Amino acid sequence: MCGNLSLSPLSLSSFPLIRLLPSLLILPTYIRDISPLIKCYTLLKLSFQRPQSGPFGIIAAKTYLELNPLTTLALLETDTSLGGAWSKNRIYPGMYSQSPLGMVEFSDIPMKPTPQQYKNYVPADHVHEYLASYTATHIYNGKSIKDRIHLDTRVVSIQKLHSPLNGTGSSSGGRGSAWVVSTDCGQTMTCSKLMIATGITSRPYIPFFNTLDFTPPILHTKDLARLAPTFMESENVRNVVVIGGSKSAFDAVHMFISAGKRVDWVIRDKGSGRVGMDAAERAPVYYENSHQILSTRLMSKMSPCIFQPPDGWMRFFHQTKMGRWVTDTVWNTMQSAWLKAATYDRNGDTSNLRPQLP
């Protein structure tokens, strides 16, 4: 049984949600918290509700232990499973990696292929298994990274204590300074160094809807794996509204249409609205997928990235008439191939998914 889909390229602030009378509202957006950027302030107290055993937290711990194998190191994780966005509690049916095999792994241990991969894109549970194996096999001073992860541990405050002032009335250069970390279970940990690896996809952003009549349950895609099966099987949930145009929104729409629900998809009409979705198999020359060619050194030189060194290649591609012509031709050719593969113009609804292009 297939459901129905209608697309609304309207501004969220002006959309009359009450008219849709949905049984369920799904939100795929996140808050980008700036608190990790200000962690150096003295006597800073923050409320953290995010994980630290995702890929970045794991590799940060591994790197530090490689340099200091005898150190006492702990990773505090809010979730009951490691992995961050790849936690087994956040993996919903049909969730795949956005990067192919060979580019979604750490450099010291390759990720093994799996029969379930598609064009070298792997299922999310395969990524989780890789991270779990990685933490279990990296052992320092008789203790693995996995053994150092404290699951189901929420940090509620962080405080920095400076050493006493020296005789000149100034701080003694940071020697003796310490971080005091408090958790929701009453634990207090003191450390000389603190790394915050909370990421940007763990604090859901749920907008305020100013109406008393809007009462359906609101589900963020962070909880899609945990709650979606209940709503998919419920006969009382017939209409679903999905707000946002990111990858998880695509997955949520597909999931509920496949379950026979009527889906209204609301995406802002400008700015950071619908994202571009390229076809995995549209890769020129000998590349196995489109992601691989985008990650080559040559393509990086054709991208206006501030992190690229201003070498001769960058000057040629961006500061000469011939180079700009080559760059425009390459990008326009690839863009045309991806738009053709997506077939956005197959009907009026899918044409609204066409991303805004410069």
Protein backbone atom coordinates (compact mmCIF):
# COMPACT_ATOMS: atom_id res chain seq x y z
CA MET A 1 0.00 0.00 0.00
CA CYS A 2 1.36 3.41 -0.96
CA GLY A 3 0.48 6.71 0.64
CA ASN A 4 0.04 10.15 -0.88
CA LEU A 5 2.44 13.07 -0.91
CA SER A 6 1.90 16.77 -1.36
CA LEU A 7 4.74 19.28 -1.35
CA SER A 8 4.37 22.82 -0.10
CA PRO A 9 7.24 25.21 -0.92
CA LEU A 10 6.07 27.75 1.65
CA SER A 11 7.67 29.70 4.45
CA LEU A 12 7.29 27.93 7.80
CA SER A 13 6.44 31.18 9.56
CA SER A 14 3.47 31.85 7.30
CA PHE A 15 2.19 28.31 6.77
CA PRO A 16 -1.30 27.69 8.26
CA LEU A 17 -0.51 24.37 9.92
CA ILE A 18 -3.92 24.16 11.51
CA ARG A 19 -5.52 23.65 8.11
CA LEU A 20 -3.66 20.41 7.55
CA LEU A 21 -5.10 18.73 10.64
CA PRO A 22 -2.20 16.26 10.79
CA SER A 23 -2.05 13.22 13.03
CA LEU A 24 1.71 13.61 13.41
CA LEU A 25 4.25 16.38 12.86
CA ILE A 26 7.90 15.52 12.11
CA LEU A 27 10.80 17.98 12.43
CA PRO A 28 14.30 17.23 11.10
CA THR A 29 16.18 20.38 12.18
CA TYR A 30 18.79 20.85 14.92
CA ILE A 31 20.13 23.66 17.07
CA ARG A 32 23.70 24.70 16.31
CA ASP A 33 24.90 25.46 19.83
CA ILE A 34 27.82 27.87 20.23
CA SER A 35 28.54 26.85 23.83
CA PRO A 36 31.57 24.68 22.89
CA LEU A 37 33.17 27.82 21.44
CA ILE A 38 33.09 29.64 24.77
CA LYS A 39 34.21 26.82 27.04
CA CYS A 40 37.42 28.66 27.99
CA TYR A 41 35.68 31.18 30.24
CA THR A 42 36.46 31.03 33.94
CA LEU A 43 33.82 29.52 36.22
CA LEU A 44 31.67 28.66 33.23
CA LYS A 45 28.60 26.62 34.00
CA LEU A 46 26.70 25.15 31.09
CA SER A 47 23.95 22.61 30.63
CA PHE A 48 24.98 19.84 28.23
CA GLN A 49 22.52 17.24 26.96
CA ARG A 50 24.51 15.84 24.07
CA PRO A 51 26.76 12.86 23.35
CA GLN A 52 30.55 12.76 23.28
CA SER A 53 31.15 9.24 21.92
CA GLY A 54 30.32 9.96 18.29
CA PRO A 55 32.97 9.60 15.57
CA PHE A 56 34.72 12.87 16.52
CA GLY A 57 34.73 12.08 20.23
CA ILE A 58 36.09 8.59 19.53
CA ILE A 59 38.91 9.74 17.27
CA ALA A 60 39.79 12.57 19.67
CA ALA A 61 40.12 10.04 22.48
CA LYS A 62 42.16 7.67 20.29
CA THR A 63 44.54 10.43 19.22
CA TYR A 64 45.11 11.61 22.78
CA LEU A 65 45.69 8.06 24.03
CA GLU A 66 48.18 7.44 21.24
CA LEU A 67 50.23 10.34 22.59
CA ASN A 68 49.52 9.67 26.28
CA PRO A 69 48.69 5.95 26.70
CA LEU A 70 49.05 6.08 30.50
CA THR A 71 46.56 8.92 30.98
CA THR A 72 43.25 8.48 32.74
CA LEU A 73 40.61 9.32 30.13
CA ALA A 74 36.83 9.14 30.24
CA LEU A 75 34.14 9.78 27.59
CA LEU A 76 30.77 10.88 28.95
CA GLU A 77 27.86 9.83 26.75
CA THR A 78 24.24 10.87 27.26
CA ASP A 79 22.87 8.06 25.12
CA THR A 80 22.72 4.41 26.15
CA SER A 81 24.64 3.52 23.01
CA LEU A 82 27.85 4.89 21.50
CA GLY A 83 28.05 6.36 18.02
CA GLY A 84 26.43 9.80 18.25
CA ALA A 85 24.32 10.13 15.10
CA TRP A 86 25.20 6.47 14.44
CA SER A 87 23.91 5.29 17.82
CA LYS A 88 21.78 2.15 17.54
CA ASN A 89 19.01 4.13 19.23
CA ARG A 90 18.93 6.62 16.33
CA ILE A 91 19.13 4.21 13.39
CA TYR A 92 15.78 3.97 11.62
CA PRO A 93 14.83 1.56 8.81
CA GLY A 94 16.44 2.51 5.49
CA MET A 95 19.05 4.80 7.03
CA TYR A 96 22.28 4.79 4.99
CA SER A 97 25.56 6.68 5.14
CA GLN A 98 25.96 9.85 3.09
CA SER A 99 29.58 9.00 2.33
CA PRO A 100 30.68 5.80 0.57
CA LEU A 101 32.82 2.98 1.86
CA GLY A 102 36.38 4.19 2.17
CA MET A 103 35.30 7.69 3.19
CA VAL A 104 33.19 6.94 6.25
CA GLU A 105 35.92 5.33 8.32
CA PHE A 106 39.07 6.10 10.27
CA SER A 107 42.37 5.94 8.38
CA ASP A 108 44.04 3.25 10.53
CA ILE A 109 41.31 0.58 10.19
CA PRO A 110 39.33 0.23 6.92
CA MET A 111 35.63 -0.51 7.11
CA LYS A 112 34.76 -3.94 5.73
CA PRO A 113 32.28 -4.21 2.84
CA THR A 114 28.79 -5.54 3.49
CA PRO A 115 26.33 -7.30 1.15
CA GLN A 116 23.75 -4.63 2.01
CA GLN A 117 25.78 -1.74 0.60
CA TYR A 118 24.54 0.18 -2.44
CA LYS A 119 27.08 1.83 -4.73
CA ASN A 120 29.47 1.59 -1.76
CA TYR A 121 27.04 3.43 0.53
CA VAL A 122 26.54 1.34 3.66
CA PRO A 123 23.61 0.87 6.09
CA ALA A 124 23.73 2.89 9.29
CA ASP A 125 23.89 -0.20 11.49
CA HIS A 126 27.07 -1.21 9.67
CA VAL A 127 28.62 2.15 10.62
CA HIS A 128 27.57 1.62 14.24
CA GLU A 129 29.13 -1.85 14.31
CA TYR A 130 32.34 -0.42 12.89
CA LEU A 131 32.52 2.26 15.60
CA ALA A 132 31.78 -0.30 18.33
CA SER A 133 34.50 -2.61 17.03
CA TYR A 134 36.92 0.30 16.69
CA THR A 135 36.52 1.35 20.32
CA ALA A 136 36.82 -2.24 21.54
CA THR A 137 40.02 -3.05 19.64
CA HIS A 138 41.99 0.09 20.52
CA ILE A 139 43.54 -0.75 23.88
CA TYR A 140 45.88 1.48 25.86
CA ASN A 141 47.46 0.49 29.16
CA GLY A 142 45.18 -2.55 29.35
CA LYS A 143 41.95 -0.59 28.82
CA SER A 144 40.06 -0.10 25.56
CA ILE A 145 38.37 3.09 24.43
CA LYS A 146 35.03 1.32 24.84
CA ASP A 147 35.82 0.59 28.49
CA ARG A 148 36.34 4.32 29.04
CA ILE A 149 32.90 5.35 27.75
CA HIS A 150 30.35 6.16 30.46
CA LEU A 151 26.96 5.59 28.82
CA ASP A 152 23.70 7.11 30.05
CA THR A 153 25.65 9.92 31.72
CA ARG A 154 24.39 13.46 31.31
CA VAL A 155 26.67 16.39 32.07
CA VAL A 156 24.78 19.12 33.92
CA SER A 157 27.56 21.61 34.67
CA ILE A 158 31.20 22.38 33.98
CA GLN A 159 33.30 24.67 36.13
CA LYS A 160 36.90 25.77 35.67
CA LEU A 161 38.94 26.37 38.80
CA HIS A 162 42.12 28.43 38.50
CA SER A 163 45.17 28.00 40.68
CA PRO A 164 45.74 30.61 43.41
CA LEU A 165 47.26 33.93 42.39
CA ASN A 166 51.01 34.20 42.65
CA GLY A 167 52.91 36.87 44.52
CA THR A 168 52.61 39.40 41.70
CA GLY A 169 48.83 39.31 41.85
CA SER A 170 48.42 37.52 38.53
CA SER A 171 47.42 33.96 37.74
CA SER A 172 50.18 31.38 37.94
CA GLY A 173 50.03 30.58 34.23
CA GLY A 174 47.32 27.93 34.43
CA ARG A 175 49.39 25.40 36.36
CA GLY A 176 47.18 23.65 38.82
CA SER A 177 43.99 24.71 37.01
CA ALA A 178 41.28 22.08 36.84
CA TRP A 179 37.92 21.38 35.25
CA VAL A 180 35.14 20.11 37.52
CA VAL A 181 32.44 18.17 35.66
CA SER A 182 29.15 17.27 37.35
CA THR A 183 26.69 14.67 36.04
CA ASP A 184 23.00 14.07 36.61
CA CYS A 185 23.70 10.97 38.70
CA GLY A 186 25.62 12.98 41.30
CA GLN A 187 29.12 12.20 40.08
CA THR A 188 31.84 14.85 40.16
CA MET A 189 34.91 14.41 37.99
CA THR A 190 38.01 16.59 38.09
CA CYS A 191 40.40 16.77 35.16
CA SER A 192 43.26 18.93 33.91
CA LYS A 193 42.12 18.83 30.27
CA LEU A 194 38.63 18.86 28.81
CA MET A 195 37.51 18.16 25.24
CA ILE A 196 33.96 18.87 24.11
CA ALA A 197 32.85 16.71 21.18
CA THR A 198 29.10 17.16 21.34
CA GLY A 199 28.54 17.71 17.62
CA ILE A 200 25.72 19.67 15.98
CA THR A 201 23.06 16.98 15.46
CA SER A 202 22.03 16.09 18.99
CA ARG A 203 19.92 18.99 20.26
CA PRO A 204 16.64 19.02 18.34
CA TYR A 205 15.15 22.32 17.26
CA ILE A 206 11.38 22.30 17.70
CA PRO A 207 9.69 25.60 16.78
CA PHE A 208 6.89 27.09 18.83
CA PHE A 209 3.42 26.80 17.31
CA ASN A 210 1.17 29.56 18.61
CA THR A 211 -2.19 27.79 18.60
CA LEU A 212 -4.08 25.84 21.21
CA ASP A 213 -5.90 23.82 18.59
CA PHE A 214 -2.72 22.25 17.20
CA THR A 215 -2.47 19.12 19.35
CA PRO A 216 -0.99 16.23 17.31
CA PRO A 217 2.21 14.62 18.63
CA ILE A 218 5.43 16.28 17.46
CA LEU A 219 8.26 13.94 16.57
CA HIS A 220 11.82 15.01 15.83
CA THR A 221 13.83 12.84 13.45
CA LYS A 222 16.33 12.20 16.25
CA ASP A 223 13.61 10.00 17.76
CA LEU A 224 12.46 8.54 14.45
CA ALA A 225 13.99 5.12 15.11
CA ARG A 226 12.40 4.88 18.55
CA LEU A 227 8.91 6.23 17.89
CA ALA A 228 8.23 5.91 14.16
CA PRO A 229 7.23 2.21 14.22
CA THR A 230 4.44 2.99 16.70
CA PHE A 231 3.03 5.76 14.52
CA MET A 232 3.48 3.77 11.31
CA GLU A 233 1.43 0.88 12.68
CA SER A 234 -1.25 3.04 14.28
CA GLU A 235 -4.55 3.30 12.40
CA ASN A 236 -5.23 6.59 14.19
CA VAL A 237 -2.29 8.24 12.41
CA ARG A 238 -3.45 8.89 8.83
CA ASN A 239 -1.94 12.29 7.99
CA VAL A 240 1.70 13.22 8.59
CA VAL A 241 3.35 16.62 8.15
CA VAL A 242 7.13 16.69 7.61
CA ILE A 243 8.81 20.08 8.03
CA GLY A 244 12.26 20.60 6.50
CA GLY A 245 14.22 19.55 3.42
CA SER A 246 17.29 17.72 4.76
CA LYS A 247 18.31 14.09 4.29
CA SER A 248 16.36 12.89 7.31
CA ALA A 249 13.26 14.63 5.95
CA PHE A 250 13.59 12.65 2.70
CA ASP A 251 13.89 9.46 4.75
CA ALA A 252 10.88 10.31 6.93
CA VAL A 253 8.70 11.11 3.91
CA HIS A 254 9.63 7.84 2.22
CA MET A 255 9.09 5.89 5.42
CA PHE A 256 5.56 7.13 6.09
CA ILE A 257 4.43 7.01 2.46
CA SER A 258 5.57 3.39 2.36
CA ALA A 259 3.43 2.79 5.45
CA GLY A 260 0.36 4.08 3.61
CA LYS A 261 0.12 7.49 5.27
CA ARG A 262 -0.80 10.76 3.60
CA VAL A 263 2.23 13.05 3.86
CA ASP A 264 2.30 16.83 3.56
CA TRP A 265 5.88 18.02 3.13
CA VAL A 266 6.60 21.63 4.11
CA ILE A 267 9.89 23.19 2.99
CA ARG A 268 10.85 26.85 3.16
CA ASP A 269 10.85 28.47 -0.27
CA LYS A 270 14.22 30.20 0.01
CA GLY A 271 17.45 30.15 1.96
CA SER A 272 18.38 26.80 3.49
CA GLY A 273 15.38 24.99 2.08
CA ARG A 274 15.52 21.82 0.03
CA VAL A 275 18.92 20.27 -0.38
CA GLY A 276 20.43 18.87 -3.56
CA MET A 277 20.25 15.07 -3.83
CA ASP A 278 22.64 13.67 -6.41
CA ALA A 279 22.36 10.22 -7.97
CA ALA A 280 24.79 7.71 -6.53
CA GLU A 281 25.47 6.03 -9.84
CA ARG A 282 26.11 9.21 -11.85
CA ALA A 283 29.90 9.20 -11.67
CA PRO A 284 32.09 9.99 -14.68
CA VAL A 285 35.12 8.02 -15.81
CA TYR A 286 36.17 5.22 -13.44
CA TYR A 287 34.59 6.46 -10.20
CA GLU A 288 32.10 4.14 -8.49
CA ASN A 289 29.80 6.89 -7.21
CA SER A 290 29.31 10.62 -7.43
CA HIS A 291 30.77 11.25 -3.98
CA GLN A 292 34.20 10.00 -4.95
CA ILE A 293 34.75 12.49 -7.75
CA LEU A 294 33.68 15.36 -5.48
CA SER A 295 36.42 14.35 -3.04
CA THR A 296 39.30 14.33 -5.50
CA ARG A 297 42.07 16.92 -5.24
CA LEU A 298 41.26 18.25 -8.69
CA MET A 299 37.61 18.97 -7.78
CA SER A 300 38.69 20.54 -4.51
CA LYS A 301 40.76 23.03 -6.50
CA MET A 302 37.65 23.92 -8.52
CA SER A 303 35.68 24.60 -5.35
CA PRO A 304 35.76 28.12 -3.84
CA CYS A 305 36.88 26.88 -0.44
CA ILE A 306 38.67 29.13 2.04
CA PHE A 307 40.64 26.17 3.38
CA GLN A 308 42.44 25.56 0.10
CA PRO A 309 46.00 26.98 -0.07
CA PRO A 310 46.33 29.81 -2.62
CA ASP A 311 48.59 27.85 -4.96
CA GLY A 312 48.94 27.98 -8.73
CA TRP A 313 46.00 25.64 -9.33
CA MET A 314 43.64 27.82 -7.29
CA ARG A 315 44.81 30.94 -9.10
CA PHE A 316 44.34 29.25 -12.48
CA PHE A 317 40.82 27.92 -11.81
CA HIS A 318 39.48 31.06 -10.11
CA GLN A 319 41.55 34.02 -11.31
CA THR A 320 42.04 33.40 -15.02
CA LYS A 321 39.52 33.57 -17.84
CA MET A 322 40.41 30.09 -19.12
CA GLY A 323 40.37 28.56 -15.63
CA ARG A 324 36.96 30.01 -14.78
CA TRP A 325 35.61 28.68 -18.08
CA VAL A 326 36.92 25.18 -17.27
CA THR A 327 35.50 25.35 -13.73
CA ASP A 328 32.07 26.51 -14.92
CA THR A 329 31.96 23.86 -17.64
CA VAL A 330 32.83 21.01 -15.26
CA TRP A 331 30.33 22.04 -12.59
CA ASN A 332 27.55 22.77 -15.09
CA THR A 333 28.06 19.38 -16.74
CA MET A 334 27.89 17.52 -13.43
CA GLN A 335 24.94 19.59 -12.27
CA SER A 336 22.99 18.86 -15.45
CA ALA A 337 23.63 15.13 -15.09
CA TRP A 338 22.40 15.09 -11.49
CA LEU A 339 19.30 17.18 -12.22
CA LYS A 340 18.46 14.90 -15.13
CA ALA A 341 18.86 11.81 -12.94
CA ALA A 342 16.61 13.29 -10.24
CA THR A 343 13.78 13.96 -12.77
CA TYR A 344 12.42 16.83 -10.70
CA ASP A 345 10.07 17.83 -13.52
CA ARG A 346 8.20 14.54 -13.64
CA ASN A 347 5.18 16.24 -12.01
CA GLY A 348 4.18 19.39 -10.16
CA ASP A 349 4.98 18.05 -6.70
CA THR A 350 8.50 16.81 -7.37
CA SER A 351 9.39 20.02 -9.20
CA ASN A 352 9.11 21.79 -5.83
CA LEU A 353 12.04 19.65 -4.62
CA ARG A 354 14.41 21.15 -7.16
CA PRO A 355 17.11 22.89 -5.08
CA GLN A 356 17.88 26.58 -5.50
CA LEU A 357 21.05 26.90 -7.51
CA PRO A 358 23.25 29.98 -8.00
